[in-house]
């Protein structure tokens, strides 16, 4: 996941440098007043998003598999904890004790 994030940040940084060069050379218009930096960031973001979507497809798929595996492990852990609580509750009911609220 960190690798994907760093690769995406690298693509954005590259696009930012290209956009800055285009604005500096006058090919792309500058932003108004102090908004030039925001204009550069937004333009670089709009350009880098589709590039990242196409170029980083395999890395995104690998990251999503890792996320799914982590979610499945968490679900299994929650199910195991719920099963332990159910067993403890059943055992206390079998002994005639009132279940404790948690």
PDB file of N, CA and C in Angstrom:
ATOM      1  N   UNK A   1       0.819  -1.189   0.000  1.00  0.00           N
ATOM      2  CA  UNK A   1       0.000   0.000   0.000  1.00  0.00           C
ATOM      3  C   UNK A   1       0.868   1.260   0.000  1.00  0.00           C
ATOM      4  N   UNK A   2       1.938   1.222   0.776  1.00  0.00           N
ATOM      5  CA  UNK A   2       2.848   2.368   0.822  1.00  0.00           C
ATOM      6  C   UNK A   2       3.518   2.562  -0.537  1.00  0.00           C
ATOM      7  N   UNK A   3       3.849   1.448  -1.172  1.00  0.00           N
ATOM      8  CA  UNK A   3       4.486   1.531  -2.485  1.00  0.00           C
ATOM      9  C   UNK A   3       3.569   2.215  -3.491  1.00  0.00           C
ATOM     10  N   UNK A   4       2.293   1.837  -3.498  1.00  0.00           N
ATOM     11  CA  UNK A   4       1.322   2.443  -4.404  1.00  0.00           C
ATOM     12  C   UNK A   4       1.197   3.940  -4.136  1.00  0.00           C
ATOM     13  N   UNK A   5       1.135   4.300  -2.862  1.00  0.00           N
ATOM     14  CA  UNK A   5       1.005   5.708  -2.493  1.00  0.00           C
ATOM     15  C   UNK A   5       2.215   6.513  -2.953  1.00  0.00           C
ATOM     16  N   UNK A   6       3.404   5.952  -2.750  1.00  0.00           N
ATOM     17  CA  UNK A   6       4.617   6.652  -3.169  1.00  0.00           C
ATOM     18  C   UNK A   6       4.701   6.772  -4.693  1.00  0.00           C
ATOM     19  N   UNK A   7       4.281   5.733  -5.396  1.00  0.00           N
ATOM     20  CA  UNK A   7       4.288   5.794  -6.860  1.00  0.00           C
ATOM     21  C   UNK A   7       3.298   6.852  -7.351  1.00  0.00           C
ATOM     22  N   UNK A   8       2.152   6.907  -6.718  1.00  0.00           N
ATOM     23  CA  UNK A   8       1.157   7.900  -7.106  1.00  0.00           C
ATOM     24  C   UNK A   8       1.645   9.320  -6.813  1.00  0.00           C
ATOM     25  N   UNK A   9       2.287   9.485  -5.683  1.00  0.00           N
ATOM     26  CA  UNK A   9       2.860  10.784  -5.333  1.00  0.00           C
ATOM     27  C   UNK A   9       3.956  11.173  -6.330  1.00  0.00           C
ATOM     28  N   UNK A  10       4.748  10.197  -6.773  1.00  0.00           N
ATOM     29  CA  UNK A  10       5.777  10.469  -7.764  1.00  0.00           C
ATOM     30  C   UNK A  10       5.200  10.927  -9.089  1.00  0.00           C
ATOM     31  N   UNK A  11       4.116  10.303  -9.515  1.00  0.00           N
ATOM     32  CA  UNK A  11       3.458  10.714 -10.765  1.00  0.00           C
ATOM     33  C   UNK A  11       2.918  12.133 -10.614  1.00  0.00           C
ATOM     34  N   UNK A  12       2.327  12.432  -9.456  1.00  0.00           N
ATOM     35  CA  UNK A  12       1.820  13.783  -9.227  1.00  0.00           C
ATOM     36  C   UNK A  12       2.956  14.799  -9.259  1.00  0.00           C
ATOM     37  N   UNK A  13       4.078  14.467  -8.609  1.00  0.00           N
ATOM     38  CA  UNK A  13       5.217  15.392  -8.582  1.00  0.00           C
ATOM     39  C   UNK A  13       5.750  15.631  -9.995  1.00  0.00           C
ATOM     40  N   UNK A  14       5.826  14.575 -10.792  1.00  0.00           N
ATOM     41  CA  UNK A  14       6.272  14.737 -12.172  1.00  0.00           C
ATOM     42  C   UNK A  14       5.334  15.626 -12.970  1.00  0.00           C
ATOM     43  N   UNK A  15       4.045  15.416 -12.803  1.00  0.00           N
ATOM     44  CA  UNK A  15       3.061  16.249 -13.499  1.00  0.00           C
ATOM     45  C   UNK A  15       3.137  17.695 -13.017  1.00  0.00           C
ATOM     46  N   UNK A  16       3.384  17.878 -11.720  1.00  0.00           N
ATOM     47  CA  UNK A  16       3.500  19.225 -11.186  1.00  0.00           C
ATOM     48  C   UNK A  16       4.673  19.960 -11.824  1.00  0.00           C
ATOM     49  N   UNK A  17       5.801  19.266 -11.972  1.00  0.00           N
ATOM     50  CA  UNK A  17       6.980  19.895 -12.580  1.00  0.00           C
ATOM     51  C   UNK A  17       6.699  20.254 -14.038  1.00  0.00           C
ATOM     52  N   UNK A  18       6.036  19.352 -14.748  1.00  0.00           N
ATOM     53  CA  UNK A  18       5.709  19.624 -16.155  1.00  0.00           C
ATOM     54  C   UNK A  18       4.756  20.811 -16.256  1.00  0.00           C
ATOM     55  N   UNK A  19       3.721  20.834 -15.418  1.00  0.00           N
ATOM     56  CA  UNK A  19       2.758  21.937 -15.445  1.00  0.00           C
ATOM     57  C   UNK A  19       3.448  23.249 -15.073  1.00  0.00           C
ATOM     58  N   UNK A  20       4.325  23.214 -14.071  1.00  0.00           N
ATOM     59  CA  UNK A  20       5.055  24.414 -13.691  1.00  0.00           C
ATOM     60  C   UNK A  20       5.877  24.935 -14.869  1.00  0.00           C
ATOM     61  N   UNK A  21       6.528  24.014 -15.585  1.00  0.00           N
ATOM     62  CA  UNK A  21       7.303  24.427 -16.749  1.00  0.00           C
ATOM     63  C   UNK A  21       6.432  25.037 -17.833  1.00  0.00           C
ATOM     64  N   UNK A  22       5.261  24.469 -18.047  1.00  0.00           N
ATOM     65  CA  UNK A  22       4.352  25.001 -19.062  1.00  0.00           C
ATOM     66  C   UNK A  22       3.825  26.382 -18.666  1.00  0.00           C
ATOM     67  N   UNK A  23       3.520  26.570 -17.395  1.00  0.00           N
ATOM     68  CA  UNK A  23       3.040  27.871 -16.935  1.00  0.00           C
ATOM     69  C   UNK A  23       4.176  28.897 -16.977  1.00  0.00           C
ATOM     70  N   UNK A  24       5.349  28.485 -16.560  1.00  0.00           N
ATOM     71  CA  UNK A  24       6.498  29.396 -16.554  1.00  0.00           C
ATOM     72  C   UNK A  24       6.856  29.854 -17.970  1.00  0.00           C
ATOM     73  N   UNK A  25       6.726  28.943 -18.940  1.00  0.00           N
ATOM     74  CA  UNK A  25       7.059  29.303 -20.320  1.00  0.00           C
ATOM     75  C   UNK A  25       5.927  30.060 -21.013  1.00  0.00           C
ATOM     76  N   UNK A  26       4.754  30.118 -20.384  1.00  0.00           N
ATOM     77  CA  UNK A  26       3.647  30.879 -20.946  1.00  0.00           C
ATOM     78  C   UNK A  26       2.720  30.081 -21.838  1.00  0.00           C
ATOM     79  N   UNK A  27       2.943  28.780 -21.976  1.00  0.00           N
ATOM     80  CA  UNK A  27       2.076  27.940 -22.807  1.00  0.00           C
ATOM     81  C   UNK A  27       0.711  27.764 -22.146  1.00  0.00           C
ATOM     82  N   UNK A  28       0.718  27.602 -20.822  1.00  0.00           N
ATOM     83  CA  UNK A  28      -0.517  27.482 -20.041  1.00  0.00           C
ATOM     84  C   UNK A  28      -0.662  28.771 -19.235  1.00  0.00           C
ATOM     85  N   UNK A  29      -1.875  29.325 -19.165  1.00  0.00           N
ATOM     86  CA  UNK A  29      -2.041  30.605 -18.445  1.00  0.00           C
ATOM     87  C   UNK A  29      -1.792  30.467 -16.944  1.00  0.00           C
ATOM     88  N   UNK A  30      -1.321  31.548 -16.352  1.00  0.00           N
ATOM     89  CA  UNK A  30      -1.086  31.602 -14.913  1.00  0.00           C
ATOM     90  C   UNK A  30      -2.407  31.806 -14.168  1.00  0.00           C
ATOM     91  N   UNK A  31      -2.384  31.472 -12.861  1.00  0.00           N
ATOM     92  CA  UNK A  31      -3.527  31.766 -12.017  1.00  0.00           C
ATOM     93  C   UNK A  31      -3.544  33.239 -11.675  1.00  0.00           C
ATOM     94  N   UNK A  32      -4.648  33.698 -11.139  1.00  0.00           N
ATOM     95  CA  UNK A  32      -4.780  35.107 -10.768  1.00  0.00           C
ATOM     96  C   UNK A  32      -4.132  35.369  -9.422  1.00  0.00           C
ATOM     97  N   UNK A  33      -3.253  36.341  -9.360  1.00  0.00           N
ATOM     98  CA  UNK A  33      -2.642  36.769  -8.100  1.00  0.00           C
ATOM     99  C   UNK A  33      -1.936  35.647  -7.369  1.00  0.00           C
ATOM    100  N   UNK A  34      -2.334  35.453  -6.111  1.00  0.00           N
ATOM    101  CA  UNK A  34      -1.699  34.451  -5.261  1.00  0.00           C
ATOM    102  C   UNK A  34      -2.246  33.043  -5.502  1.00  0.00           C
ATOM    103  N   UNK A  35      -3.192  32.879  -6.411  1.00  0.00           N
ATOM    104  CA  UNK A  35      -3.783  31.568  -6.653  1.00  0.00           C
ATOM    105  C   UNK A  35      -2.979  30.723  -7.626  1.00  0.00           C
ATOM    106  N   UNK A  36      -1.821  31.189  -8.065  1.00  0.00           N
ATOM    107  CA  UNK A  36      -1.046  30.455  -9.055  1.00  0.00           C
ATOM    108  C   UNK A  36      -0.631  29.076  -8.542  1.00  0.00           C
ATOM    109  N   UNK A  37      -0.190  28.980  -7.274  1.00  0.00           N
ATOM    110  CA  UNK A  37       0.215  27.682  -6.722  1.00  0.00           C
ATOM    111  C   UNK A  37      -0.964  26.711  -6.696  1.00  0.00           C
ATOM    112  N   UNK A  38      -2.144  27.193  -6.297  1.00  0.00           N
ATOM    113  CA  UNK A  38      -3.331  26.336  -6.273  1.00  0.00           C
ATOM    114  C   UNK A  38      -3.688  25.889  -7.692  1.00  0.00           C
ATOM    115  N   UNK A  39      -3.562  26.784  -8.651  1.00  0.00           N
ATOM    116  CA  UNK A  39      -3.823  26.460 -10.045  1.00  0.00           C
ATOM    117  C   UNK A  39      -2.876  25.353 -10.518  1.00  0.00           C
ATOM    118  N   UNK A  40      -1.602  25.470 -10.172  1.00  0.00           N
ATOM    119  CA  UNK A  40      -0.625  24.450 -10.549  1.00  0.00           C
ATOM    120  C   UNK A  40      -0.977  23.092  -9.924  1.00  0.00           C
ATOM    121  N   UNK A  41      -1.342  23.112  -8.646  1.00  0.00           N
ATOM    122  CA  UNK A  41      -1.693  21.857  -7.958  1.00  0.00           C
ATOM    123  C   UNK A  41      -2.924  21.207  -8.578  1.00  0.00           C
ATOM    124  N   UNK A  42      -3.957  21.996  -8.825  1.00  0.00           N
ATOM    125  CA  UNK A  42      -5.183  21.440  -9.402  1.00  0.00           C
ATOM    126  C   UNK A  42      -4.950  20.894 -10.810  1.00  0.00           C
ATOM    127  N   UNK A  43      -4.213  21.620 -11.606  1.00  0.00           N
ATOM    128  CA  UNK A  43      -3.924  21.160 -12.961  1.00  0.00           C
ATOM    129  C   UNK A  43      -3.083  19.884 -12.941  1.00  0.00           C
ATOM    130  N   UNK A  44      -2.098  19.829 -12.056  1.00  0.00           N
ATOM    131  CA  UNK A  44      -1.274  18.616 -11.931  1.00  0.00           C
ATOM    132  C   UNK A  44      -2.108  17.441 -11.438  1.00  0.00           C
ATOM    133  N   UNK A  45      -3.039  17.693 -10.539  1.00  0.00           N
ATOM    134  CA  UNK A  45      -3.911  16.629 -10.032  1.00  0.00           C
ATOM    135  C   UNK A  45      -4.817  16.088 -11.134  1.00  0.00           C
ATOM    136  N   UNK A  46      -5.391  16.979 -11.917  1.00  0.00           N
ATOM    137  CA  UNK A  46      -6.278  16.560 -13.014  1.00  0.00           C
ATOM    138  C   UNK A  46      -5.507  15.759 -14.054  1.00  0.00           C
ATOM    139  N   UNK A  47      -4.267  16.110 -14.293  1.00  0.00           N
ATOM    140  CA  UNK A  47      -3.473  15.386 -15.283  1.00  0.00           C
ATOM    141  C   UNK A  47      -2.954  14.060 -14.720  1.00  0.00           C
ATOM    142  N   UNK A  48      -2.541  14.048 -13.444  1.00  0.00           N
ATOM    143  CA  UNK A  48      -1.937  12.843 -12.877  1.00  0.00           C
ATOM    144  C   UNK A  48      -2.957  11.753 -12.545  1.00  0.00           C
ATOM    145  N   UNK A  49      -4.212  12.107 -12.298  1.00  0.00           N
ATOM    146  CA  UNK A  49      -5.214  11.103 -11.924  1.00  0.00           C
ATOM    147  C   UNK A  49      -5.426  10.048 -13.006  1.00  0.00           C
ATOM    148  N   UNK A  50      -5.710  10.426 -14.262  1.00  0.00           N
ATOM    149  CA  UNK A  50      -5.892   9.375 -15.267  1.00  0.00           C
ATOM    150  C   UNK A  50      -4.592   8.629 -15.584  1.00  0.00           C
ATOM    151  N   UNK A  51      -3.462   9.319 -15.488  1.00  0.00           N
ATOM    152  CA  UNK A  51      -2.190   8.626 -15.716  1.00  0.00           C
ATOM    153  C   UNK A  51      -1.981   7.564 -14.648  1.00  0.00           C
ATOM    154  N   UNK A  52      -2.227   7.903 -13.387  1.00  0.00           N
ATOM    155  CA  UNK A  52      -2.094   6.939 -12.294  1.00  0.00           C
ATOM    156  C   UNK A  52      -3.071   5.787 -12.458  1.00  0.00           C
ATOM    157  N   UNK A  53      -4.280   6.085 -12.900  1.00  0.00           N
ATOM    158  CA  UNK A  53      -5.289   5.053 -13.066  1.00  0.00           C
ATOM    159  C   UNK A  53      -4.837   3.997 -14.070  1.00  0.00           C
ATOM    160  N   UNK A  54      -4.210   4.417 -15.141  1.00  0.00           N
ATOM    161  CA  UNK A  54      -3.782   3.485 -16.186  1.00  0.00           C
ATOM    162  C   UNK A  54      -2.447   2.833 -15.831  1.00  0.00           C
ATOM    163  N   UNK A  55      -1.472   3.636 -15.423  1.00  0.00           N
ATOM    164  CA  UNK A  55      -0.113   3.128 -15.217  1.00  0.00           C
ATOM    165  C   UNK A  55      -0.010   2.242 -13.971  1.00  0.00           C
ATOM    166  N   UNK A  56      -0.730   2.554 -12.937  1.00  0.00           N
ATOM    167  CA  UNK A  56      -0.598   1.841 -11.663  1.00  0.00           C
ATOM    168  C   UNK A  56      -1.670   0.785 -11.443  1.00  0.00           C
ATOM    169  N   UNK A  57      -2.247   0.279 -12.508  1.00  0.00           N
ATOM    170  CA  UNK A  57      -3.328  -0.702 -12.385  1.00  0.00           C
ATOM    171  C   UNK A  57      -2.873  -1.954 -11.632  1.00  0.00           C
ATOM    172  N   UNK A  58      -1.727  -2.522 -12.007  1.00  0.00           N
ATOM    173  CA  UNK A  58      -1.253  -3.750 -11.343  1.00  0.00           C
ATOM    174  C   UNK A  58      -0.951  -3.500  -9.870  1.00  0.00           C
ATOM    175  N   UNK A  59      -0.315  -2.386  -9.584  1.00  0.00           N
ATOM    176  CA  UNK A  59       0.026  -2.070  -8.196  1.00  0.00           C
ATOM    177  C   UNK A  59      -1.243  -1.836  -7.364  1.00  0.00           C
ATOM    178  N   UNK A  60      -2.243  -1.213  -7.951  1.00  0.00           N
ATOM    179  CA  UNK A  60      -3.513  -0.991  -7.255  1.00  0.00           C
ATOM    180  C   UNK A  60      -4.201  -2.324  -6.978  1.00  0.00           C
ATOM    181  N   UNK A  61      -4.146  -3.246  -7.930  1.00  0.00           N
ATOM    182  CA  UNK A  61      -4.744  -4.569  -7.720  1.00  0.00           C
ATOM    183  C   UNK A  61      -4.034  -5.315  -6.593  1.00  0.00           C
ATOM    184  N   UNK A  62      -2.696  -5.231  -6.555  1.00  0.00           N
ATOM    185  CA  UNK A  62      -1.950  -5.873  -5.467  1.00  0.00           C
ATOM    186  C   UNK A  62      -2.313  -5.261  -4.121  1.00  0.00           C
ATOM    187  N   UNK A  63      -2.430  -3.955  -4.076  1.00  0.00           N
ATOM    188  CA  UNK A  63      -2.784  -3.287  -2.820  1.00  0.00           C
ATOM    189  C   UNK A  63      -4.190  -3.676  -2.375  1.00  0.00           C
ATOM    190  N   UNK A  64      -5.112  -3.793  -3.322  1.00  0.00           N
ATOM    191  CA  UNK A  64      -6.485  -4.155  -2.946  1.00  0.00           C
ATOM    192  C   UNK A  64      -6.556  -5.593  -2.434  1.00  0.00           C
ATOM    193  N   UNK A  65      -5.733  -6.489  -2.971  1.00  0.00           N
ATOM    194  CA  UNK A  65      -5.696  -7.867  -2.469  1.00  0.00           C
ATOM    195  C   UNK A  65      -5.213  -7.872  -1.023  1.00  0.00           C
ATOM    196  N   UNK A  66      -4.197  -7.070  -0.717  1.00  0.00           N
ATOM    197  CA  UNK A  66      -3.699  -6.992   0.654  1.00  0.00           C
ATOM    198  C   UNK A  66      -4.764  -6.445   1.596  1.00  0.00           C
ATOM    199  N   UNK A  67      -5.508  -5.446   1.145  1.00  0.00           N
ATOM    200  CA  UNK A  67      -6.568  -4.872   1.983  1.00  0.00           C
ATOM    201  C   UNK A  67      -7.661  -5.903   2.235  1.00  0.00           C
ATOM    202  N   UNK A  68      -8.043  -6.650   1.209  1.00  0.00           N
ATOM    203  CA  UNK A  68      -9.078  -7.674   1.367  1.00  0.00           C
ATOM    204  C   UNK A  68      -8.608  -8.757   2.341  1.00  0.00           C
ATOM    205  N   UNK A  69      -7.345  -9.175   2.229  1.00  0.00           N
ATOM    206  CA  UNK A  69      -6.817 -10.176   3.157  1.00  0.00           C
ATOM    207  C   UNK A  69      -6.846  -9.658   4.591  1.00  0.00           C
ATOM    208  N   UNK A  70      -6.477  -8.403   4.791  1.00  0.00           N
ATOM    209  CA  UNK A  70      -6.484  -7.826   6.132  1.00  0.00           C
ATOM    210  C   UNK A  70      -7.903  -7.758   6.686  1.00  0.00           C
ATOM    211  N   UNK A  71      -8.866  -7.384   5.861  1.00  0.00           N
ATOM    212  CA  UNK A  71     -10.263  -7.318   6.305  1.00  0.00           C
ATOM    213  C   UNK A  71     -10.776  -8.713   6.647  1.00  0.00           C
ATOM    214  N   UNK A  72     -10.411  -9.715   5.844  1.00  0.00           N
ATOM    215  CA  UNK A  72     -10.836 -11.084   6.137  1.00  0.00           C
ATOM    216  C   UNK A  72     -10.258 -11.582   7.456  1.00  0.00           C
ATOM    217  N   UNK A  73      -8.978 -11.242   7.731  1.00  0.00           N
ATOM    218  CA  UNK A  73      -8.378 -11.636   9.016  1.00  0.00           C
ATOM    219  C   UNK A  73      -9.102 -10.965  10.183  1.00  0.00           C
ATOM    220  N   UNK A  74      -9.455  -9.695  10.003  1.00  0.00           N
ATOM    221  CA  UNK A  74     -10.164  -8.986  11.071  1.00  0.00           C
ATOM    222  C   UNK A  74     -11.543  -9.591  11.292  1.00  0.00           C
ATOM    223  N   UNK A  75     -12.233  -9.944  10.220  1.00  0.00           N
ATOM    224  CA  UNK A  75     -13.554 -10.574  10.356  1.00  0.00           C
ATOM    225  C   UNK A  75     -13.445 -11.906  11.078  1.00  0.00           C
ATOM    226  N   UNK A  76     -12.405 -12.689  10.740  1.00  0.00           N
ATOM    227  CA  UNK A  76     -12.211 -13.979  11.404  1.00  0.00           C
ATOM    228  C   UNK A  76     -11.925 -13.776  12.885  1.00  0.00           C
ATOM    229  N   UNK A  77     -11.144 -12.758  13.215  1.00  0.00           N
ATOM    230  CA  UNK A  77     -10.867 -12.461  14.621  1.00  0.00           C
ATOM    231  C   UNK A  77     -12.117 -12.048  15.379  1.00  0.00           C
ATOM    232  N   UNK A  78     -12.947 -11.229  14.758  1.00  0.00           N
ATOM    233  CA  UNK A  78     -14.207 -10.826  15.391  1.00  0.00           C
ATOM    234  C   UNK A  78     -15.127 -12.024  15.579  1.00  0.00           C
ATOM    235  N   UNK A  79     -15.177 -12.907  14.589  1.00  0.00           N
ATOM    236  CA  UNK A  79     -16.016 -14.101  14.701  1.00  0.00           C
ATOM    237  C   UNK A  79     -15.516 -15.004  15.818  1.00  0.00           C
ATOM    238  N   UNK A  80     -14.188 -15.156  15.943  1.00  0.00           N
ATOM    239  CA  UNK A  80     -13.634 -15.983  17.018  1.00  0.00           C
ATOM    240  C   UNK A  80     -13.960 -15.382  18.381  1.00  0.00           C
ATOM    241  N   UNK A  81     -13.843 -14.061  18.504  1.00  0.00           N
ATOM    242  CA  UNK A  81     -14.181 -13.405  19.776  1.00  0.00           C
ATOM    243  C   UNK A  81     -15.661 -13.573  20.103  1.00  0.00           C
ATOM    244  N   UNK A  82     -16.510 -13.447  19.103  1.00  0.00           N
ATOM    245  CA  UNK A  82     -17.946 -13.623  19.329  1.00  0.00           C
ATOM    246  C   UNK A  82     -18.242 -15.054  19.757  1.00  0.00           C
ATOM    247  N   UNK A  83     -17.553 -16.023  19.154  1.00  0.00           N
ATOM    248  CA  UNK A  83     -17.757 -17.419  19.526  1.00  0.00           C
ATOM    249  C   UNK A  83     -17.316 -17.654  20.972  1.00  0.00           C
ATOM    250  N   UNK A  84     -16.208 -17.068  21.390  1.00  0.00           N
ATOM    251  CA  UNK A  84     -15.755 -17.201  22.773  1.00  0.00           C
ATOM    252  C   UNK A  84     -16.772 -16.601  23.739  1.00  0.00           C
ATOM    253  N   UNK A  85     -17.310 -15.449  23.392  1.00  0.00           N
ATOM    254  CA  UNK A  85     -18.305 -14.826  24.260  1.00  0.00           C
ATOM    255  C   UNK A  85     -19.562 -15.679  24.340  1.00  0.00           C
ATOM    256  N   UNK A  86     -19.975 -16.258  23.209  1.00  0.00           N
ATOM    257  CA  UNK A  86     -21.159 -17.115  23.219  1.00  0.00           C
ATOM    258  C   UNK A  86     -20.930 -18.354  24.074  1.00  0.00           C
ATOM    259  N   UNK A  87     -19.728 -18.946  23.978  1.00  0.00           N
ATOM    260  CA  UNK A  87     -19.421 -20.123  24.792  1.00  0.00           C
ATOM    261  C   UNK A  87     -19.413 -19.779  26.274  1.00  0.00           C
ATOM    262  N   UNK A  88     -18.829 -18.637  26.620  1.00  0.00           N
ATOM    263  CA  UNK A  88     -18.797 -18.222  28.026  1.00  0.00           C
ATOM    264  C   UNK A  88     -20.200 -17.953  28.536  1.00  0.00           C
ATOM    265  N   UNK A  89     -21.035 -17.339  27.706  1.00  0.00           N
ATOM    266  CA  UNK A  89     -22.414 -17.065  28.090  1.00  0.00           C
ATOM    267  C   UNK A  89     -23.187 -18.369  28.277  1.00  0.00           C
ATOM    268  N   UNK A  90     -23.012 -19.307  27.359  1.00  0.00           N
ATOM    269  CA  UNK A  90     -23.692 -20.606  27.468  1.00  0.00           C
ATOM    270  C   UNK A  90     -23.230 -21.363  28.709  1.00  0.00           C
ATOM    271  N   UNK A  91     -21.930 -21.277  29.005  1.00  0.00           N
ATOM    272  CA  UNK A  91     -21.407 -21.972  30.184  1.00  0.00           C
ATOM    273  C   UNK A  91     -21.975 -21.370  31.467  1.00  0.00           C
ATOM    274  N   UNK A  92     -22.085 -20.070  31.534  1.00  0.00           N
ATOM    275  CA  UNK A  92     -22.618 -19.440  32.748  1.00  0.00           C
ATOM    276  C   UNK A  92     -24.106 -19.723  32.896  1.00  0.00           C
ATOM    277  N   UNK A  93     -24.824 -19.807  31.784  1.00  0.00           N
ATOM    278  CA  UNK A  93     -26.255 -20.152  31.865  1.00  0.00           C
ATOM    279  C   UNK A  93     -26.428 -21.604  32.310  1.00  0.00           C
ATOM    280  N   UNK A  94     -25.541 -22.464  31.870  1.00  0.00           N
ATOM    281  CA  UNK A  94     -25.630 -23.875  32.251  1.00  0.00           C
ATOM    282  C   UNK A  94     -25.374 -24.040  33.743  1.00  0.00           C
ATOM    283  N   UNK A  95     -24.557 -23.187  34.332  1.00  0.00           N
ATOM    284  CA  UNK A  95     -24.267 -23.265  35.762  1.00  0.00           C
ATOM    285  C   UNK A  95     -25.330 -22.539  36.588  1.00  0.00           C
ATOM    286  N   UNK A  96     -26.274 -21.891  35.934  1.00  0.00           N
ATOM    287  CA  UNK A  96     -27.344 -21.213  36.645  1.00  0.00           C
ATOM    288  C   UNK A  96     -27.017 -19.799  37.048  1.00  0.00           C
ATOM    289  N   UNK A  97     -25.934 -19.242  36.545  1.00  0.00           N
ATOM    290  CA  UNK A  97     -25.570 -17.876  36.872  1.00  0.00           C
ATOM    291  C   UNK A  97     -26.151 -16.939  35.823  1.00  0.00           C
ATOM    292  N   UNK A  98     -26.451 -15.733  36.249  1.00  0.00           N
ATOM    293  CA  UNK A  98     -26.938 -14.707  35.292  1.00  0.00           C
ATOM    294  C   UNK A  98     -25.762 -14.223  34.467  1.00  0.00           C
ATOM    295  N   UNK A  99     -25.973 -14.011  33.179  1.00  0.00           N
ATOM    296  CA  UNK A  99     -24.879 -13.500  32.329  1.00  0.00           C
ATOM    297  C   UNK A  99     -24.529 -12.077  32.726  1.00  0.00           C
ATOM    298  N   UNK A 100     -23.245 -11.757  32.642  1.00  0.00           N
ATOM    299  CA  UNK A 100     -22.782 -10.414  32.969  1.00  0.00           C
ATOM    300  C   UNK A 100     -22.838  -9.535  31.754  1.00  0.00           C
ATOM    301  N   UNK A 101     -23.330  -8.337  31.962  1.00  0.00           N
ATOM    302  CA  UNK A 101     -23.396  -7.367  30.862  1.00  0.00           C
ATOM    303  C   UNK A 101     -22.012  -6.791  30.612  1.00  0.00           C
ATOM    304  N   UNK A 102     -21.656  -6.659  29.340  1.00  0.00           N
ATOM    305  CA  UNK A 102     -20.338  -6.088  29.044  1.00  0.00           C
ATOM    306  C   UNK A 102     -20.432  -4.791  28.328  1.00  0.00           C
TER     307      UNK A 102
END
